[in-house]
Amino acid sequence: AFGAYVYLTILPAGPLPNYGDADNNGTVDAFDASLVLEFYATIATGGDISGYDDNFRRNADVDSNSSINAWDASLILSYYVYISTGGKSSIEDFINNLVCKL
């Protein structure tokens, strides 16, 4: 059976997010999307998420809905494909344009 899992994140004030850069290494790539899926799977199976810091959570919630899930991973991976093929927009602009077209 499939179910929907939602993980709400309330974070203390801190640095501005570097959306999409889940591993906080300065680039957005497929590995970041993989980390977000790993986090989501951990939540879905009741695993321990204490190893994921506030920077990860800020950067991973790319749609800014206080939930880190497979949609965030999909957006990150889509953005990575976009920039890998010459796209120049920021991830925020990319997501805003994409969501407006859905």
N, C-alpha and C. Protein backbone atom coordinates (compact mmCIF):
# COMPACT_ATOMS: atom_id res chain seq x y z
N ALA A 1 0.85 -1.18 0.00
CA ALA A 1 0.00 0.00 0.00
C ALA A 1 0.89 1.24 0.00
N PHE A 2 0.43 2.22 -0.69
CA PHE A 2 1.17 3.47 -0.77
C PHE A 2 0.48 4.49 0.13
N GLY A 3 1.26 5.31 0.77
CA GLY A 3 0.71 6.36 1.61
C GLY A 3 1.50 7.63 1.42
N ALA A 4 0.94 8.69 1.87
CA ALA A 4 1.62 9.98 1.78
C ALA A 4 2.24 10.29 3.13
N TYR A 5 3.50 10.63 3.11
CA TYR A 5 4.20 11.01 4.32
C TYR A 5 4.58 12.47 4.21
N VAL A 6 4.37 13.19 5.27
CA VAL A 6 4.71 14.60 5.30
C VAL A 6 5.60 14.83 6.50
N TYR A 7 6.68 15.52 6.29
CA TYR A 7 7.57 15.89 7.38
C TYR A 7 7.61 17.41 7.44
N LEU A 8 7.09 17.96 8.50
CA LEU A 8 7.09 19.42 8.65
C LEU A 8 8.36 19.83 9.37
N THR A 9 8.94 20.91 8.90
CA THR A 9 10.19 21.40 9.46
C THR A 9 10.00 22.81 9.98
N ILE A 10 10.27 22.99 11.26
CA ILE A 10 10.29 24.32 11.84
C ILE A 10 11.71 24.53 12.32
N LEU A 11 12.38 25.49 11.71
CA LEU A 11 13.79 25.70 11.98
C LEU A 11 14.02 27.01 12.72
N PRO A 12 15.05 27.02 13.54
CA PRO A 12 15.42 28.30 14.17
C PRO A 12 15.97 29.25 13.10
N ALA A 13 15.96 30.53 13.43
CA ALA A 13 16.53 31.50 12.50
C ALA A 13 17.98 31.11 12.21
N GLY A 14 18.38 31.30 10.99
CA GLY A 14 19.74 30.93 10.60
C GLY A 14 20.07 31.52 9.26
N PRO A 15 21.09 30.98 8.63
CA PRO A 15 21.48 31.50 7.31
C PRO A 15 20.39 31.26 6.28
N LEU A 16 20.38 32.10 5.27
CA LEU A 16 19.44 31.90 4.18
C LEU A 16 19.73 30.57 3.50
N PRO A 17 18.70 29.91 3.03
CA PRO A 17 18.94 28.62 2.38
C PRO A 17 19.65 28.77 1.04
N ASN A 18 20.40 27.77 0.71
CA ASN A 18 20.97 27.63 -0.62
C ASN A 18 20.16 26.51 -1.27
N TYR A 19 18.96 26.86 -1.71
CA TYR A 19 17.99 25.86 -2.15
C TYR A 19 18.59 24.86 -3.13
N GLY A 20 18.28 23.60 -2.87
CA GLY A 20 18.72 22.52 -3.73
C GLY A 20 20.05 21.90 -3.33
N ASP A 21 20.89 22.65 -2.64
CA ASP A 21 22.22 22.18 -2.27
C ASP A 21 22.13 21.45 -0.92
N ALA A 22 21.51 20.27 -0.93
CA ALA A 22 21.24 19.54 0.30
C ALA A 22 22.50 19.18 1.07
N ASP A 23 23.59 18.88 0.37
CA ASP A 23 24.83 18.54 1.06
C ASP A 23 25.69 19.76 1.37
N ASN A 24 25.21 20.93 0.98
CA ASN A 24 25.85 22.21 1.32
C ASN A 24 27.30 22.28 0.83
N ASN A 25 27.54 21.76 -0.39
CA ASN A 25 28.90 21.82 -0.93
C ASN A 25 29.08 22.89 -1.99
N GLY A 26 28.04 23.71 -2.19
CA GLY A 26 28.15 24.82 -3.13
C GLY A 26 27.60 24.54 -4.52
N THR A 27 27.16 23.32 -4.78
CA THR A 27 26.58 23.00 -6.08
C THR A 27 25.28 22.21 -5.91
N VAL A 28 24.41 22.34 -6.88
CA VAL A 28 23.18 21.56 -6.91
C VAL A 28 23.38 20.48 -7.96
N ASP A 29 23.26 19.23 -7.54
CA ASP A 29 23.47 18.12 -8.46
C ASP A 29 22.58 16.94 -8.09
N ALA A 30 22.71 15.86 -8.83
CA ALA A 30 21.87 14.68 -8.62
C ALA A 30 22.07 14.08 -7.23
N PHE A 31 23.26 14.22 -6.67
CA PHE A 31 23.50 13.70 -5.33
C PHE A 31 22.62 14.40 -4.31
N ASP A 32 22.38 15.69 -4.49
CA ASP A 32 21.49 16.42 -3.58
C ASP A 32 20.08 15.83 -3.63
N ALA A 33 19.60 15.55 -4.83
CA ALA A 33 18.27 14.94 -4.97
C ALA A 33 18.24 13.58 -4.28
N SER A 34 19.31 12.82 -4.42
CA SER A 34 19.41 11.52 -3.78
C SER A 34 19.35 11.63 -2.26
N LEU A 35 20.03 12.62 -1.71
CA LEU A 35 19.99 12.83 -0.26
C LEU A 35 18.59 13.16 0.22
N VAL A 36 17.87 13.96 -0.56
CA VAL A 36 16.50 14.32 -0.19
C VAL A 36 15.61 13.08 -0.21
N LEU A 37 15.77 12.23 -1.21
CA LEU A 37 15.00 10.99 -1.25
C LEU A 37 15.35 10.07 -0.08
N GLU A 38 16.62 10.03 0.26
CA GLU A 38 17.06 9.23 1.41
C GLU A 38 16.39 9.74 2.69
N PHE A 39 16.36 11.04 2.86
CA PHE A 39 15.71 11.65 4.03
C PHE A 39 14.23 11.28 4.05
N TYR A 40 13.58 11.43 2.92
CA TYR A 40 12.15 11.12 2.80
C TYR A 40 11.88 9.65 3.13
N ALA A 41 12.71 8.76 2.61
CA ALA A 41 12.55 7.33 2.89
C ALA A 41 12.77 7.04 4.36
N THR A 42 13.71 7.73 4.97
CA THR A 42 13.96 7.55 6.40
C THR A 42 12.75 7.96 7.21
N ILE A 43 12.15 9.10 6.86
CA ILE A 43 10.92 9.55 7.53
C ILE A 43 9.80 8.53 7.33
N ALA A 44 9.64 8.09 6.10
CA ALA A 44 8.53 7.20 5.75
C ALA A 44 8.61 5.86 6.48
N THR A 45 9.82 5.45 6.83
CA THR A 45 9.99 4.17 7.51
C THR A 45 10.24 4.33 9.01
N GLY A 46 10.06 5.54 9.52
CA GLY A 46 10.23 5.77 10.95
C GLY A 46 11.66 5.75 11.42
N GLY A 47 12.58 6.01 10.52
CA GLY A 47 14.00 5.99 10.85
C GLY A 47 14.47 7.23 11.60
N ASP A 48 15.72 7.22 11.97
CA ASP A 48 16.33 8.30 12.74
C ASP A 48 16.83 9.40 11.80
N ILE A 49 16.31 10.59 11.97
CA ILE A 49 16.70 11.72 11.12
C ILE A 49 17.59 12.71 11.86
N SER A 50 18.08 12.32 13.01
CA SER A 50 18.89 13.25 13.81
C SER A 50 20.19 13.64 13.12
N GLY A 51 20.65 12.87 12.16
CA GLY A 51 21.88 13.18 11.45
C GLY A 51 21.74 14.26 10.39
N TYR A 52 20.52 14.71 10.14
CA TYR A 52 20.27 15.75 9.14
C TYR A 52 20.20 17.10 9.85
N ASP A 53 21.14 17.98 9.54
CA ASP A 53 21.21 19.25 10.26
C ASP A 53 20.26 20.30 9.67
N ASP A 54 20.21 21.46 10.33
CA ASP A 54 19.32 22.53 9.89
C ASP A 54 19.65 23.04 8.49
N ASN A 55 20.93 23.08 8.14
CA ASN A 55 21.30 23.52 6.78
C ASN A 55 20.72 22.57 5.74
N PHE A 56 20.82 21.27 5.98
CA PHE A 56 20.23 20.30 5.06
C PHE A 56 18.74 20.59 4.92
N ARG A 57 18.07 20.76 6.02
CA ARG A 57 16.61 20.94 5.99
C ARG A 57 16.21 22.23 5.29
N ARG A 58 16.96 23.29 5.50
CA ARG A 58 16.67 24.55 4.80
C ARG A 58 16.87 24.39 3.29
N ASN A 59 17.98 23.80 2.92
CA ASN A 59 18.34 23.68 1.51
C ASN A 59 17.48 22.65 0.78
N ALA A 60 17.02 21.63 1.48
CA ALA A 60 16.26 20.55 0.86
C ALA A 60 14.81 20.93 0.57
N ASP A 61 14.25 21.83 1.34
CA ASP A 61 12.84 22.21 1.16
C ASP A 61 12.74 23.27 0.06
N VAL A 62 12.96 22.85 -1.18
CA VAL A 62 13.07 23.81 -2.28
C VAL A 62 11.76 24.49 -2.66
N ASP A 63 10.65 23.88 -2.32
CA ASP A 63 9.37 24.54 -2.63
C ASP A 63 8.85 25.34 -1.44
N SER A 64 9.64 25.40 -0.37
CA SER A 64 9.35 26.24 0.81
C SER A 64 7.97 26.01 1.40
N ASN A 65 7.57 24.74 1.48
CA ASN A 65 6.27 24.44 2.06
C ASN A 65 6.39 23.78 3.43
N SER A 66 7.57 23.82 4.02
CA SER A 66 7.86 23.24 5.33
C SER A 66 7.75 21.72 5.34
N SER A 67 7.86 21.11 4.19
CA SER A 67 7.81 19.66 4.07
C SER A 67 8.92 19.22 3.12
N ILE A 68 9.68 18.23 3.53
CA ILE A 68 10.75 17.70 2.68
C ILE A 68 10.29 16.33 2.20
N ASN A 69 10.12 16.21 0.89
CA ASN A 69 9.56 14.97 0.35
C ASN A 69 10.08 14.72 -1.06
N ALA A 70 9.49 13.73 -1.71
CA ALA A 70 9.94 13.34 -3.05
C ALA A 70 9.75 14.45 -4.07
N TRP A 71 8.78 15.33 -3.86
CA TRP A 71 8.58 16.46 -4.78
C TRP A 71 9.80 17.37 -4.76
N ASP A 72 10.35 17.62 -3.58
CA ASP A 72 11.57 18.43 -3.48
C ASP A 72 12.71 17.77 -4.24
N ALA A 73 12.86 16.47 -4.08
CA ALA A 73 13.92 15.75 -4.80
C ALA A 73 13.72 15.85 -6.30
N SER A 74 12.48 15.73 -6.74
CA SER A 74 12.18 15.84 -8.17
C SER A 74 12.52 17.22 -8.71
N LEU A 75 12.19 18.25 -7.94
CA LEU A 75 12.52 19.62 -8.36
C LEU A 75 14.03 19.83 -8.44
N ILE A 76 14.75 19.30 -7.46
CA ILE A 76 16.21 19.43 -7.46
C ILE A 76 16.80 18.72 -8.68
N LEU A 77 16.34 17.51 -8.95
CA LEU A 77 16.85 16.77 -10.09
C LEU A 77 16.49 17.47 -11.41
N SER A 78 15.30 18.00 -11.49
CA SER A 78 14.89 18.74 -12.70
C SER A 78 15.76 19.97 -12.89
N TYR A 79 16.05 20.66 -11.80
CA TYR A 79 16.91 21.85 -11.89
C TYR A 79 18.32 21.45 -12.32
N TYR A 80 18.83 20.35 -11.79
CA TYR A 80 20.15 19.88 -12.17
C TYR A 80 20.22 19.59 -13.68
N VAL A 81 19.20 18.94 -14.21
CA VAL A 81 19.15 18.68 -15.65
C VAL A 81 19.13 20.01 -16.42
N TYR A 82 18.34 20.95 -15.93
CA TYR A 82 18.23 22.27 -16.56
C TYR A 82 19.58 22.98 -16.62
N ILE A 83 20.30 23.05 -15.49
CA ILE A 83 21.59 23.76 -15.51
C ILE A 83 22.66 22.97 -16.26
N SER A 84 22.52 21.64 -16.27
CA SER A 84 23.49 20.81 -16.99
C SER A 84 23.37 20.95 -18.50
N THR A 85 22.22 21.43 -18.94
CA THR A 85 22.00 21.62 -20.38
C THR A 85 22.02 23.09 -20.78
N GLY A 86 22.64 23.91 -19.92
CA GLY A 86 22.85 25.31 -20.26
C GLY A 86 21.92 26.30 -19.61
N GLY A 87 21.00 25.84 -18.77
CA GLY A 87 20.09 26.76 -18.08
C GLY A 87 20.83 27.72 -17.17
N LYS A 88 20.35 28.93 -17.08
CA LYS A 88 21.05 29.97 -16.32
C LYS A 88 20.24 30.54 -15.15
N SER A 89 18.97 30.24 -15.07
CA SER A 89 18.13 30.82 -14.00
C SER A 89 18.50 30.23 -12.64
N SER A 90 18.18 30.98 -11.60
CA SER A 90 18.35 30.47 -10.24
C SER A 90 17.33 29.36 -10.01
N ILE A 91 17.57 28.55 -9.00
CA ILE A 91 16.62 27.48 -8.71
C ILE A 91 15.26 28.05 -8.30
N GLU A 92 15.27 29.19 -7.62
CA GLU A 92 14.00 29.82 -7.24
C GLU A 92 13.19 30.21 -8.47
N ASP A 93 13.85 30.86 -9.43
CA ASP A 93 13.16 31.24 -10.67
C ASP A 93 12.72 30.02 -11.46
N PHE A 94 13.58 29.02 -11.52
CA PHE A 94 13.24 27.78 -12.23
C PHE A 94 11.98 27.15 -11.64
N ILE A 95 11.94 27.04 -10.32
CA ILE A 95 10.78 26.42 -9.67
C ILE A 95 9.54 27.27 -9.85
N ASN A 96 9.66 28.57 -9.68
CA ASN A 96 8.50 29.44 -9.86
C ASN A 96 7.94 29.35 -11.28
N ASN A 97 8.80 29.32 -12.27
CA ASN A 97 8.35 29.18 -13.66
C ASN A 97 7.76 27.80 -13.92
N LEU A 98 8.36 26.77 -13.36
CA LEU A 98 7.87 25.40 -13.55
C LEU A 98 6.51 25.22 -12.91
N VAL A 99 6.38 25.65 -11.67
CA VAL A 99 5.13 25.48 -10.93
C VAL A 99 4.00 26.27 -11.59
N CYS A 100 4.32 27.43 -12.11
CA CYS A 100 3.30 28.24 -12.79
C CYS A 100 2.78 27.55 -14.04
N LYS A 101 3.58 26.66 -14.63
CA LYS A 101 3.19 25.99 -15.87
C LYS A 101 2.49 24.67 -15.62
N LEU A 102 2.49 24.19 -14.38
CA LEU A 102 1.85 22.90 -14.08
C LEU A 102 0.36 23.03 -13.96
